[in-house]
Amino acid sequence: MKTIAFFNNKGGVGKTSLVYHLAWMFGDRLGVPVLAVDLDPQANLTAMFLKEFRLEQIWPDSEEHPATIYGALRPVLRGIGDIATPPIERIRPALGLLPGDLGLSRFEDKLSENWPKCHNSDEAAFRTMTAFHRLIESMAGDWARLVLIDVGPNLGAINRAALISSEHVCLPLAPDLYSLQGLQNLGPILRSWRSIWTDLKSSQTHLKC
């Protein structure tokens, strides 16, 4: 299984559209089993994949939302357990979706407070920081050969957790000066996050990170 996160701290560069079309190309046309993962709290990828009536079903007025990323993380947010694994939203036989949720934004503070605790070898903090990685592994299982992850346009804690859990990062760019300058800023930040996380994991070999 290969995991690729699509990220840019500038919006409007076609990042979500690229994930959507690549997922269809690999999963529907090429027959490569793909899991698309929506880790953007705006949940635009989910809205592209699903019809409005289905969105109403997975985003009810209640707090639970068991079919979305927020529902999967809710036990961690409440401090009452570990991740729950929602069912894969099947778009095609070889194309599945982990739906996003506006409620995912509530996970930002939890990740922010647990990042420094990892430096103190806090096992609970490591389990929080690896929640995305473990959830994706659980949902992909032996089924998906490719995981495409859409994240929001910022450098917040949610994106840091998403990017360190991915094997590869793709940076879609617009052909303008802002994007070129942004790329010079993003490279060092991403390398720093990955380096720090690698060091932290090496000190916790007994954990599945």
N, C-alpha and C. Protein backbone atom coordinates (compact mmCIF):
# COMPACT_ATOMS: atom_id res chain seq x y z
N MET A 1 0.83 -1.20 0.00
CA MET A 1 0.00 0.00 0.00
C MET A 1 0.87 1.24 0.00
N LYS A 2 0.56 2.19 -0.88
CA LYS A 2 1.23 3.47 -0.94
C LYS A 2 0.28 4.57 -0.49
N THR A 3 0.78 5.50 0.33
CA THR A 3 -0.04 6.62 0.77
C THR A 3 0.56 7.92 0.26
N ILE A 4 -0.27 8.75 -0.35
CA ILE A 4 0.17 10.03 -0.90
C ILE A 4 -0.77 11.12 -0.40
N ALA A 5 -0.21 12.12 0.27
CA ALA A 5 -0.99 13.27 0.72
C ALA A 5 -0.81 14.41 -0.28
N PHE A 6 -1.90 15.09 -0.59
CA PHE A 6 -1.86 16.22 -1.52
C PHE A 6 -2.06 17.49 -0.70
N PHE A 7 -1.05 18.37 -0.78
CA PHE A 7 -1.04 19.51 0.15
C PHE A 7 -0.46 20.75 -0.50
N ASN A 8 -1.03 21.89 -0.15
CA ASN A 8 -0.45 23.20 -0.44
C ASN A 8 -1.07 24.17 0.55
N ASN A 9 -0.26 25.08 1.12
CA ASN A 9 -0.84 26.01 2.06
C ASN A 9 -1.55 27.17 1.37
N LYS A 10 -1.61 27.12 0.04
CA LYS A 10 -2.38 28.09 -0.74
C LYS A 10 -3.59 27.38 -1.33
N GLY A 11 -4.76 27.95 -1.14
CA GLY A 11 -5.96 27.36 -1.70
C GLY A 11 -6.12 27.71 -3.17
N GLY A 12 -7.03 27.01 -3.83
CA GLY A 12 -7.36 27.34 -5.21
C GLY A 12 -6.39 26.84 -6.25
N VAL A 13 -5.54 25.86 -5.90
CA VAL A 13 -4.57 25.35 -6.87
C VAL A 13 -5.04 24.03 -7.51
N GLY A 14 -6.26 23.61 -7.18
CA GLY A 14 -6.80 22.40 -7.78
C GLY A 14 -6.44 21.12 -7.06
N LYS A 15 -6.04 21.23 -5.81
CA LYS A 15 -5.59 20.07 -5.04
C LYS A 15 -6.71 19.03 -4.88
N THR A 16 -7.86 19.45 -4.42
CA THR A 16 -8.96 18.52 -4.20
C THR A 16 -9.45 17.92 -5.52
N SER A 17 -9.53 18.74 -6.54
CA SER A 17 -9.94 18.23 -7.86
C SER A 17 -8.96 17.19 -8.38
N LEU A 18 -7.67 17.41 -8.13
CA LEU A 18 -6.65 16.45 -8.57
C LEU A 18 -6.83 15.12 -7.86
N VAL A 19 -7.06 15.15 -6.55
CA VAL A 19 -7.28 13.91 -5.80
C VAL A 19 -8.51 13.18 -6.33
N TYR A 20 -9.56 13.93 -6.56
CA TYR A 20 -10.82 13.35 -7.06
C TYR A 20 -10.62 12.63 -8.40
N HIS A 21 -9.98 13.30 -9.33
CA HIS A 21 -9.82 12.72 -10.66
C HIS A 21 -8.81 11.58 -10.67
N LEU A 22 -7.75 11.69 -9.88
CA LEU A 22 -6.79 10.59 -9.79
C LEU A 22 -7.44 9.35 -9.18
N ALA A 23 -8.27 9.55 -8.17
CA ALA A 23 -8.96 8.42 -7.54
C ALA A 23 -9.85 7.71 -8.54
N TRP A 24 -10.59 8.47 -9.35
CA TRP A 24 -11.43 7.87 -10.37
C TRP A 24 -10.59 7.15 -11.43
N MET A 25 -9.48 7.78 -11.83
CA MET A 25 -8.66 7.18 -12.87
C MET A 25 -8.08 5.85 -12.42
N PHE A 26 -7.48 5.84 -11.21
CA PHE A 26 -6.88 4.60 -10.73
C PHE A 26 -7.93 3.56 -10.37
N GLY A 27 -8.96 3.98 -9.65
CA GLY A 27 -9.92 3.03 -9.14
C GLY A 27 -10.92 2.52 -10.16
N ASP A 28 -11.38 3.40 -11.05
CA ASP A 28 -12.44 3.01 -11.98
C ASP A 28 -11.89 2.59 -13.34
N ARG A 29 -10.93 3.34 -13.86
CA ARG A 29 -10.43 3.05 -15.21
C ARG A 29 -9.29 2.04 -15.22
N LEU A 30 -8.37 2.14 -14.25
CA LEU A 30 -7.20 1.27 -14.25
C LEU A 30 -7.36 0.06 -13.34
N GLY A 31 -8.39 0.05 -12.53
CA GLY A 31 -8.65 -1.09 -11.67
C GLY A 31 -7.70 -1.24 -10.50
N VAL A 32 -7.00 -0.14 -10.13
CA VAL A 32 -6.11 -0.17 -8.97
C VAL A 32 -6.95 0.19 -7.74
N PRO A 33 -7.09 -0.69 -6.77
CA PRO A 33 -7.92 -0.39 -5.60
C PRO A 33 -7.42 0.85 -4.86
N VAL A 34 -8.29 1.86 -4.75
CA VAL A 34 -7.93 3.15 -4.18
C VAL A 34 -8.85 3.50 -3.02
N LEU A 35 -8.23 4.00 -1.95
CA LEU A 35 -8.99 4.58 -0.85
C LEU A 35 -8.70 6.08 -0.84
N ALA A 36 -9.72 6.90 -1.07
CA ALA A 36 -9.58 8.35 -0.99
C ALA A 36 -9.94 8.77 0.43
N VAL A 37 -9.10 9.59 1.03
CA VAL A 37 -9.27 9.99 2.43
C VAL A 37 -9.40 11.51 2.50
N ASP A 38 -10.49 11.98 3.08
CA ASP A 38 -10.75 13.42 3.18
C ASP A 38 -10.38 13.91 4.58
N LEU A 39 -9.18 14.50 4.71
CA LEU A 39 -8.73 15.04 5.99
C LEU A 39 -8.76 16.56 6.00
N ASP A 40 -9.55 17.13 5.13
CA ASP A 40 -9.77 18.58 5.13
C ASP A 40 -11.09 18.85 5.86
N PRO A 41 -11.07 19.61 6.96
CA PRO A 41 -12.33 19.88 7.68
C PRO A 41 -13.42 20.52 6.82
N GLN A 42 -13.05 21.12 5.69
CA GLN A 42 -14.08 21.67 4.81
C GLN A 42 -14.82 20.57 4.05
N ALA A 43 -14.22 19.37 3.97
CA ALA A 43 -14.85 18.18 3.39
C ALA A 43 -15.30 18.37 1.95
N ASN A 44 -14.54 19.14 1.18
CA ASN A 44 -14.93 19.37 -0.22
C ASN A 44 -14.80 18.09 -1.06
N LEU A 45 -13.80 17.25 -0.78
CA LEU A 45 -13.64 16.02 -1.53
C LEU A 45 -14.85 15.11 -1.34
N THR A 46 -15.32 15.03 -0.12
CA THR A 46 -16.51 14.22 0.18
C THR A 46 -17.72 14.73 -0.58
N ALA A 47 -17.88 16.05 -0.61
CA ALA A 47 -19.01 16.65 -1.33
C ALA A 47 -18.92 16.40 -2.83
N MET A 48 -17.71 16.23 -3.36
CA MET A 48 -17.55 15.93 -4.78
C MET A 48 -17.94 14.49 -5.09
N PHE A 49 -17.65 13.58 -4.15
CA PHE A 49 -17.92 12.17 -4.39
C PHE A 49 -19.38 11.79 -4.15
N LEU A 50 -20.02 12.39 -3.16
CA LEU A 50 -21.32 11.90 -2.72
C LEU A 50 -22.45 12.85 -3.09
N LYS A 51 -23.61 12.28 -3.34
CA LYS A 51 -24.80 13.06 -3.64
C LYS A 51 -25.35 13.67 -2.34
N GLU A 52 -26.17 14.70 -2.51
CA GLU A 52 -26.64 15.46 -1.35
C GLU A 52 -27.42 14.60 -0.36
N PHE A 53 -28.23 13.68 -0.85
CA PHE A 53 -29.02 12.86 0.08
C PHE A 53 -28.12 11.99 0.94
N ARG A 54 -26.99 11.52 0.37
CA ARG A 54 -26.06 10.70 1.15
C ARG A 54 -25.30 11.57 2.14
N LEU A 55 -24.97 12.78 1.77
CA LEU A 55 -24.31 13.70 2.70
C LEU A 55 -25.19 13.97 3.91
N GLU A 56 -26.49 14.10 3.68
CA GLU A 56 -27.42 14.32 4.79
C GLU A 56 -27.44 13.11 5.73
N GLN A 57 -27.22 11.92 5.16
CA GLN A 57 -27.23 10.71 5.98
C GLN A 57 -25.97 10.60 6.84
N ILE A 58 -24.81 10.91 6.27
CA ILE A 58 -23.56 10.74 7.03
C ILE A 58 -23.25 11.94 7.92
N TRP A 59 -23.92 13.07 7.66
CA TRP A 59 -23.75 14.26 8.51
C TRP A 59 -25.07 14.61 9.19
N PRO A 60 -25.58 13.74 10.06
CA PRO A 60 -26.86 14.03 10.73
C PRO A 60 -26.69 15.13 11.77
N ASP A 61 -27.80 15.55 12.36
CA ASP A 61 -27.76 16.59 13.39
C ASP A 61 -27.15 16.10 14.69
N SER A 62 -27.07 14.79 14.87
CA SER A 62 -26.50 14.23 16.10
C SER A 62 -24.98 14.41 16.11
N GLU A 63 -24.36 14.11 17.24
CA GLU A 63 -22.92 14.28 17.41
C GLU A 63 -22.11 13.09 16.91
N GLU A 64 -22.72 11.95 16.67
CA GLU A 64 -21.94 10.73 16.50
C GLU A 64 -21.27 10.59 15.12
N HIS A 65 -21.99 10.76 14.05
CA HIS A 65 -21.43 10.67 12.69
C HIS A 65 -20.53 9.45 12.51
N PRO A 66 -21.04 8.24 12.72
CA PRO A 66 -20.21 7.04 12.70
C PRO A 66 -19.60 6.69 11.35
N ALA A 67 -20.08 7.30 10.27
CA ALA A 67 -19.58 6.95 8.94
C ALA A 67 -18.50 7.91 8.44
N THR A 68 -18.01 8.82 9.29
CA THR A 68 -17.05 9.83 8.84
C THR A 68 -15.77 9.80 9.67
N ILE A 69 -14.80 10.60 9.26
CA ILE A 69 -13.54 10.71 9.98
C ILE A 69 -13.77 11.25 11.39
N TYR A 70 -14.71 12.15 11.55
CA TYR A 70 -14.99 12.68 12.89
C TYR A 70 -15.55 11.60 13.80
N GLY A 71 -16.45 10.78 13.28
CA GLY A 71 -16.98 9.69 14.08
C GLY A 71 -15.90 8.72 14.50
N ALA A 72 -14.93 8.48 13.61
CA ALA A 72 -13.83 7.56 13.92
C ALA A 72 -12.95 8.11 15.04
N LEU A 73 -12.80 9.43 15.08
CA LEU A 73 -11.90 10.05 16.07
C LEU A 73 -12.62 10.48 17.35
N ARG A 74 -13.92 10.41 17.35
CA ARG A 74 -14.69 10.93 18.49
C ARG A 74 -14.32 10.27 19.82
N PRO A 75 -14.08 8.94 19.87
CA PRO A 75 -13.65 8.36 21.16
C PRO A 75 -12.34 8.96 21.67
N VAL A 76 -11.42 9.27 20.75
CA VAL A 76 -10.15 9.89 21.15
C VAL A 76 -10.40 11.30 21.66
N LEU A 77 -11.24 12.04 20.96
CA LEU A 77 -11.57 13.41 21.37
C LEU A 77 -12.21 13.44 22.75
N ARG A 78 -13.07 12.46 23.04
CA ARG A 78 -13.77 12.42 24.32
C ARG A 78 -12.93 11.79 25.42
N GLY A 79 -11.79 11.19 25.04
CA GLY A 79 -10.93 10.56 26.03
C GLY A 79 -11.51 9.28 26.60
N ILE A 80 -12.34 8.58 25.80
CA ILE A 80 -12.99 7.38 26.32
C ILE A 80 -12.55 6.12 25.58
N GLY A 81 -11.60 6.25 24.66
CA GLY A 81 -11.18 5.06 23.92
C GLY A 81 -10.29 5.42 22.75
N ASP A 82 -10.08 4.44 21.89
CA ASP A 82 -9.22 4.62 20.73
C ASP A 82 -10.10 4.82 19.49
N ILE A 83 -9.47 4.90 18.34
CA ILE A 83 -10.19 5.15 17.10
C ILE A 83 -11.22 4.05 16.83
N ALA A 84 -12.32 4.45 16.23
CA ALA A 84 -13.32 3.51 15.72
C ALA A 84 -13.16 3.48 14.20
N THR A 85 -13.37 2.35 13.59
CA THR A 85 -13.20 2.23 12.15
C THR A 85 -14.55 2.29 11.45
N PRO A 86 -14.82 3.36 10.70
CA PRO A 86 -16.10 3.45 10.00
C PRO A 86 -16.10 2.56 8.76
N PRO A 87 -17.27 2.23 8.24
CA PRO A 87 -17.32 1.45 7.00
C PRO A 87 -16.81 2.30 5.83
N ILE A 88 -16.17 1.65 4.86
CA ILE A 88 -15.72 2.36 3.67
C ILE A 88 -16.93 2.75 2.83
N GLU A 89 -16.96 3.99 2.40
CA GLU A 89 -18.01 4.46 1.50
C GLU A 89 -17.62 4.01 0.09
N ARG A 90 -18.31 3.00 -0.43
CA ARG A 90 -17.96 2.44 -1.73
C ARG A 90 -18.53 3.31 -2.85
N ILE A 91 -17.63 3.85 -3.66
CA ILE A 91 -18.03 4.61 -4.83
C ILE A 91 -18.10 3.70 -6.04
N ARG A 92 -17.10 2.84 -6.19
CA ARG A 92 -17.01 1.81 -7.20
C ARG A 92 -16.35 0.60 -6.53
N PRO A 93 -16.39 -0.59 -7.14
CA PRO A 93 -15.76 -1.76 -6.51
C PRO A 93 -14.31 -1.54 -6.13
N ALA A 94 -13.56 -0.78 -6.93
CA ALA A 94 -12.15 -0.54 -6.64
C ALA A 94 -11.89 0.88 -6.16
N LEU A 95 -12.93 1.57 -5.71
CA LEU A 95 -12.78 2.95 -5.24
C LEU A 95 -13.61 3.17 -4.00
N GLY A 96 -12.92 3.46 -2.89
CA GLY A 96 -13.59 3.70 -1.63
C GLY A 96 -13.24 5.07 -1.09
N LEU A 97 -14.04 5.55 -0.15
CA LEU A 97 -13.86 6.89 0.43
C LEU A 97 -14.00 6.82 1.93
N LEU A 98 -13.05 7.49 2.63
CA LEU A 98 -13.24 7.80 4.04
C LEU A 98 -13.78 9.22 4.09
N PRO A 99 -15.07 9.40 4.35
CA PRO A 99 -15.67 10.74 4.25
C PRO A 99 -15.11 11.72 5.28
N GLY A 100 -14.99 12.95 4.83
CA GLY A 100 -14.58 14.03 5.73
C GLY A 100 -15.76 14.52 6.55
N ASP A 101 -15.48 15.50 7.40
CA ASP A 101 -16.52 15.99 8.30
C ASP A 101 -16.08 17.35 8.84
N LEU A 102 -17.02 18.28 8.90
CA LEU A 102 -16.70 19.59 9.47
C LEU A 102 -16.25 19.47 10.92
N GLY A 103 -16.73 18.42 11.60
CA GLY A 103 -16.35 18.21 12.99
C GLY A 103 -14.89 17.88 13.19
N LEU A 104 -14.18 17.54 12.11
CA LEU A 104 -12.75 17.21 12.23
C LEU A 104 -11.96 18.38 12.79
N SER A 105 -12.45 19.60 12.58
CA SER A 105 -11.73 20.78 13.09
C SER A 105 -11.56 20.74 14.60
N ARG A 106 -12.42 19.99 15.29
CA ARG A 106 -12.31 19.88 16.75
C ARG A 106 -11.07 19.09 17.17
N PHE A 107 -10.49 18.36 16.24
CA PHE A 107 -9.31 17.54 16.53
C PHE A 107 -8.03 18.37 16.54
N GLU A 108 -8.11 19.59 16.04
CA GLU A 108 -6.93 20.46 15.92
C GLU A 108 -6.27 20.70 17.28
N ASP A 109 -7.07 21.11 18.27
CA ASP A 109 -6.52 21.41 19.59
C ASP A 109 -5.94 20.17 20.25
N LYS A 110 -6.62 19.03 20.06
CA LYS A 110 -6.14 17.77 20.66
C LYS A 110 -4.76 17.41 20.12
N LEU A 111 -4.57 17.57 18.81
CA LEU A 111 -3.28 17.27 18.21
C LEU A 111 -2.22 18.28 18.65
N SER A 112 -2.60 19.53 18.76
CA SER A 112 -1.64 20.57 19.17
C SER A 112 -1.10 20.32 20.57
N GLU A 113 -1.97 19.92 21.47
CA GLU A 113 -1.52 19.71 22.85
C GLU A 113 -0.74 18.43 23.03
N ASN A 114 -0.93 17.46 22.12
CA ASN A 114 -0.23 16.18 22.25
C ASN A 114 1.11 16.13 21.54
N TRP A 115 1.35 17.00 20.57
CA TRP A 115 2.63 17.01 19.86
C TRP A 115 3.80 17.21 20.83
N PRO A 116 3.81 18.22 21.71
CA PRO A 116 4.95 18.35 22.63
C PRO A 116 5.04 17.22 23.65
N LYS A 117 3.92 16.59 23.97
CA LYS A 117 3.94 15.48 24.93
C LYS A 117 4.67 14.27 24.38
N CYS A 118 4.73 14.15 23.05
CA CYS A 118 5.47 13.04 22.45
C CYS A 118 6.95 13.13 22.79
N HIS A 119 7.45 14.34 23.03
CA HIS A 119 8.86 14.51 23.40
C HIS A 119 9.13 13.95 24.79
N ASN A 120 8.07 13.77 25.57
CA ASN A 120 8.20 13.21 26.92
C ASN A 120 7.83 11.74 26.96
N SER A 121 7.80 11.11 25.78
CA SER A 121 7.49 9.67 25.66
C SER A 121 6.13 9.31 26.23
N ASP A 122 5.16 10.23 26.08
CA ASP A 122 3.79 9.98 26.54
C ASP A 122 3.09 9.07 25.53
N GLU A 123 2.78 7.85 25.94
CA GLU A 123 2.21 6.87 25.02
C GLU A 123 0.84 7.29 24.51
N ALA A 124 0.04 7.90 25.39
CA ALA A 124 -1.29 8.36 24.95
C ALA A 124 -1.15 9.43 23.88
N ALA A 125 -0.13 10.29 24.01
CA ALA A 125 0.10 11.33 23.00
C ALA A 125 0.48 10.71 21.66
N PHE A 126 1.31 9.68 21.70
CA PHE A 126 1.68 9.00 20.46
C PHE A 126 0.47 8.37 19.79
N ARG A 127 -0.43 7.81 20.57
CA ARG A 127 -1.61 7.17 19.99
C ARG A 127 -2.53 8.23 19.36
N THR A 128 -2.56 9.41 19.94
CA THR A 128 -3.33 10.49 19.34
C THR A 128 -2.70 10.96 18.04
N MET A 129 -1.39 11.14 18.06
CA MET A 129 -0.69 11.63 16.87
C MET A 129 -0.73 10.63 15.72
N THR A 130 -0.83 9.35 16.03
CA THR A 130 -0.85 8.33 14.98
C THR A 130 -2.26 7.88 14.62
N ALA A 131 -3.27 8.60 15.10
CA ALA A 131 -4.66 8.19 14.86
C ALA A 131 -4.98 8.13 13.37
N PHE A 132 -4.54 9.12 12.60
CA PHE A 132 -4.79 9.10 11.15
C PHE A 132 -4.14 7.89 10.51
N HIS A 133 -2.87 7.67 10.83
CA HIS A 133 -2.11 6.58 10.23
C HIS A 133 -2.76 5.23 10.54
N ARG A 134 -3.12 5.02 11.80
CA ARG A 134 -3.68 3.74 12.19
C ARG A 134 -5.07 3.53 11.60
N LEU A 135 -5.84 4.61 11.49
CA LEU A 135 -7.16 4.50 10.89
C LEU A 135 -7.07 4.16 9.41
N ILE A 136 -6.16 4.81 8.69
CA ILE A 136 -5.99 4.53 7.27
C ILE A 136 -5.52 3.10 7.05
N GLU A 137 -4.59 2.65 7.86
CA GLU A 137 -4.12 1.26 7.75
C GLU A 137 -5.26 0.28 7.98
N SER A 138 -6.09 0.57 8.97
CA SER A 138 -7.20 -0.32 9.29
C SER A 138 -8.22 -0.37 8.15
N MET A 139 -8.52 0.78 7.56
CA MET A 139 -9.53 0.82 6.50
C MET A 139 -8.99 0.25 5.19
N ALA A 140 -7.71 0.52 4.90
CA ALA A 140 -7.13 0.01 3.65
C ALA A 140 -6.94 -1.50 3.72
N GLY A 141 -6.46 -1.99 4.87
CA GLY A 141 -6.27 -3.42 5.07
C GLY A 141 -5.50 -4.07 3.94
N ASP A 142 -5.98 -5.22 3.50
CA ASP A 142 -5.38 -5.90 2.35
C ASP A 142 -6.08 -5.54 1.05
N TRP A 143 -6.99 -4.56 1.13
CA TRP A 143 -7.81 -4.22 -0.03
C TRP A 143 -7.18 -3.14 -0.90
N ALA A 144 -6.87 -1.99 -0.33
CA ALA A 144 -6.40 -0.85 -1.12
C ALA A 144 -4.90 -0.93 -1.39
N ARG A 145 -4.52 -0.69 -2.63
CA ARG A 145 -3.11 -0.61 -3.00
C ARG A 145 -2.60 0.82 -2.99
N LEU A 146 -3.53 1.77 -3.03
CA LEU A 146 -3.16 3.18 -3.09
C LEU A 146 -4.12 3.99 -2.22
N VAL A 147 -3.55 4.88 -1.41
CA VAL A 147 -4.36 5.77 -0.58
C VAL A 147 -4.02 7.20 -0.96
N LEU A 148 -5.03 7.96 -1.36
CA LEU A 148 -4.86 9.36 -1.74
C LEU A 148 -5.53 10.23 -0.67
N ILE A 149 -4.75 11.12 -0.07
CA ILE A 149 -5.22 11.90 1.08
C ILE A 149 -5.30 13.37 0.72
N ASP A 150 -6.48 13.95 0.92
CA ASP A 150 -6.67 15.38 0.69
C ASP A 150 -6.63 16.11 2.03
N VAL A 151 -5.79 17.14 2.13
CA VAL A 151 -5.71 17.93 3.36
C VAL A 151 -5.97 19.39 3.04
N GLY A 152 -6.29 20.17 4.06
CA GLY A 152 -6.63 21.57 3.88
C GLY A 152 -5.43 22.46 3.60
N PRO A 153 -5.67 23.71 3.19
CA PRO A 153 -4.59 24.64 2.84
C PRO A 153 -4.06 25.44 4.02
N ASN A 154 -3.39 24.76 4.95
CA ASN A 154 -2.81 25.47 6.09
C ASN A 154 -1.69 24.62 6.69
N LEU A 155 -0.98 25.20 7.65
CA LEU A 155 0.12 24.49 8.31
C LEU A 155 -0.24 24.16 9.76
N GLY A 156 -1.50 23.80 9.99
CA GLY A 156 -1.97 23.50 11.33
C GLY A 156 -1.66 22.08 11.78
N ALA A 157 -2.13 21.76 12.98
CA ALA A 157 -1.82 20.47 13.60
C ALA A 157 -2.45 19.30 12.87
N ILE A 158 -3.64 19.49 12.31
CA ILE A 158 -4.28 18.40 11.56
C ILE A 158 -3.43 18.01 10.36
N ASN A 159 -2.97 19.02 9.63
CA ASN A 159 -2.15 18.73 8.45
C ASN A 159 -0.80 18.14 8.82
N ARG A 160 -0.23 18.60 9.92
CA ARG A 160 1.04 18.02 10.36
C ARG A 160 0.87 16.53 10.64
N ALA A 161 -0.20 16.16 11.35
CA ALA A 161 -0.44 14.75 11.66
C ALA A 161 -0.72 13.96 10.39
N ALA A 162 -1.42 14.57 9.44
CA ALA A 162 -1.72 13.88 8.19
C ALA A 162 -0.47 13.67 7.35
N LEU A 163 0.38 14.69 7.29
CA LEU A 163 1.56 14.62 6.42
C LEU A 163 2.63 13.69 6.98
N ILE A 164 2.79 13.64 8.30
CA ILE A 164 3.80 12.73 8.85
C ILE A 164 3.33 11.28 8.78
N SER A 165 2.03 11.07 8.56
CA SER A 165 1.52 9.71 8.45
C SER A 165 1.56 9.20 7.01
N SER A 166 1.95 10.04 6.06
CA SER A 166 1.96 9.68 4.65
C SER A 166 3.37 9.34 4.19
N GLU A 167 3.46 8.39 3.29
CA GLU A 167 4.76 8.04 2.73
C GLU A 167 5.28 9.12 1.78
N HIS A 168 4.35 9.71 1.03
CA HIS A 168 4.73 10.70 0.02
C HIS A 168 3.82 11.91 0.14
N VAL A 169 4.33 13.07 -0.29
CA VAL A 169 3.55 14.30 -0.32
C VAL A 169 3.64 14.90 -1.71
N CYS A 170 2.50 15.22 -2.28
CA CYS A 170 2.43 15.87 -3.59
C CYS A 170 1.98 17.31 -3.38
N LEU A 171 2.70 18.25 -3.97
CA LEU A 171 2.40 19.68 -3.81
C LEU A 171 1.93 20.27 -5.13
N PRO A 172 0.62 20.27 -5.40
CA PRO A 172 0.13 20.92 -6.62
C PRO A 172 0.39 22.43 -6.54
N LEU A 173 0.86 23.02 -7.63
CA LEU A 173 1.22 24.43 -7.63
C LEU A 173 0.53 25.17 -8.76
N ALA A 174 0.25 26.43 -8.52
CA ALA A 174 -0.19 27.33 -9.59
C ALA A 174 1.04 28.03 -10.16
N PRO A 175 1.04 28.38 -11.44
CA PRO A 175 2.21 29.02 -12.05
C PRO A 175 2.29 30.51 -11.71
N ASP A 176 2.54 30.82 -10.45
CA ASP A 176 2.65 32.23 -10.05
C ASP A 176 3.75 32.40 -9.02
N LEU A 177 4.11 33.65 -8.76
CA LEU A 177 5.21 33.97 -7.87
C LEU A 177 4.92 33.53 -6.44
N TYR A 178 3.66 33.67 -6.00
CA TYR A 178 3.30 33.28 -4.64
C TYR A 178 3.58 31.80 -4.41
N SER A 179 3.22 30.98 -5.38
CA SER A 179 3.42 29.54 -5.23
C SER A 179 4.90 29.19 -5.15
N LEU A 180 5.71 29.86 -5.96
CA LEU A 180 7.14 29.59 -5.93
C LEU A 180 7.76 29.98 -4.60
N GLN A 181 7.35 31.12 -4.06
CA GLN A 181 7.85 31.54 -2.75
C GLN A 181 7.33 30.62 -1.65
N GLY A 182 6.07 30.19 -1.80
CA GLY A 182 5.50 29.28 -0.82
C GLY A 182 6.21 27.95 -0.79
N LEU A 183 6.65 27.49 -1.95
CA LEU A 183 7.36 26.22 -2.04
C LEU A 183 8.69 26.29 -1.27
N GLN A 184 9.36 27.44 -1.33
CA GLN A 184 10.61 27.61 -0.59
C GLN A 184 10.37 27.56 0.92
N ASN A 185 9.17 27.95 1.35
CA ASN A 185 8.81 27.92 2.76
C ASN A 185 8.37 26.53 3.19
N LEU A 186 7.61 25.86 2.33
CA LEU A 186 7.03 24.56 2.69
C LEU A 186 8.09 23.46 2.82
N GLY A 187 9.06 23.46 1.92
CA GLY A 187 10.07 22.40 1.93
C GLY A 187 10.74 22.24 3.28
N PRO A 188 11.33 23.30 3.84
CA PRO A 188 11.98 23.19 5.16
C PRO A 188 11.02 22.78 6.27
N ILE A 189 9.78 23.28 6.21
CA ILE A 189 8.81 22.93 7.26
C ILE A 189 8.48 21.45 7.21
N LEU A 190 8.21 20.93 6.02
CA LEU A 190 7.86 19.51 5.90
C LEU A 190 9.03 18.62 6.29
N ARG A 191 10.24 19.01 5.89
CA ARG A 191 11.42 18.22 6.27
C ARG A 191 11.62 18.24 7.78
N SER A 192 11.36 19.39 8.40
CA SER A 192 11.51 19.50 9.85
C SER A 192 10.50 18.61 10.57
N TRP A 193 9.24 18.65 10.14
CA TRP A 193 8.22 17.80 10.76
C TRP A 193 8.60 16.33 10.64
N ARG A 194 9.01 15.92 9.44
CA ARG A 194 9.33 14.51 9.21
C ARG A 194 10.56 14.10 10.03
N SER A 195 11.55 14.97 10.12
CA SER A 195 12.76 14.66 10.88
C SER A 195 12.46 14.51 12.37
N ILE A 196 11.68 15.45 12.91
CA ILE A 196 11.32 15.39 14.33
C ILE A 196 10.54 14.11 14.62
N TRP A 197 9.58 13.80 13.74
CA TRP A 197 8.73 12.62 13.96
C TRP A 197 9.54 11.33 13.87
N THR A 198 10.48 11.29 12.95
CA THR A 198 11.34 10.12 12.82
C THR A 198 12.14 9.89 14.10
N ASP A 199 12.67 10.97 14.67
CA ASP A 199 13.42 10.86 15.92
C ASP A 199 12.53 10.41 17.07
N LEU A 200 11.30 10.95 17.12
CA LEU A 200 10.39 10.57 18.19
C LEU A 200 10.00 9.10 18.08
N LYS A 201 9.73 8.64 16.86
CA LYS A 201 9.36 7.24 16.67
C LYS A 201 10.49 6.29 17.05
N SER A 202 11.71 6.69 16.74
CA SER A 202 12.86 5.82 17.04
C SER A 202 13.03 5.61 18.53
N SER A 203 12.51 6.54 19.33
CA SER A 203 12.61 6.39 20.79
C SER A 203 11.45 5.60 21.36
N GLN A 204 10.49 5.24 20.50
CA GLN A 204 9.29 4.51 20.96
C GLN A 204 9.08 3.28 20.09
N THR A 205 10.07 2.45 20.01
CA THR A 205 10.03 1.29 19.10
C THR A 205 8.96 0.28 19.51
N HIS A 206 8.50 0.34 20.75
CA HIS A 206 7.48 -0.62 21.20
C HIS A 206 6.09 -0.22 20.74
N LEU A 207 5.96 1.01 20.18
CA LEU A 207 4.65 1.47 19.73
C LEU A 207 4.50 1.29 18.24
N LYS A 208 3.28 1.06 17.78
CA LYS A 208 3.00 0.99 16.35
C LYS A 208 2.64 2.39 15.88
N CYS A 209 3.62 3.07 15.27
CA CYS A 209 3.42 4.46 14.85
C CYS A 209 3.25 4.58 13.36
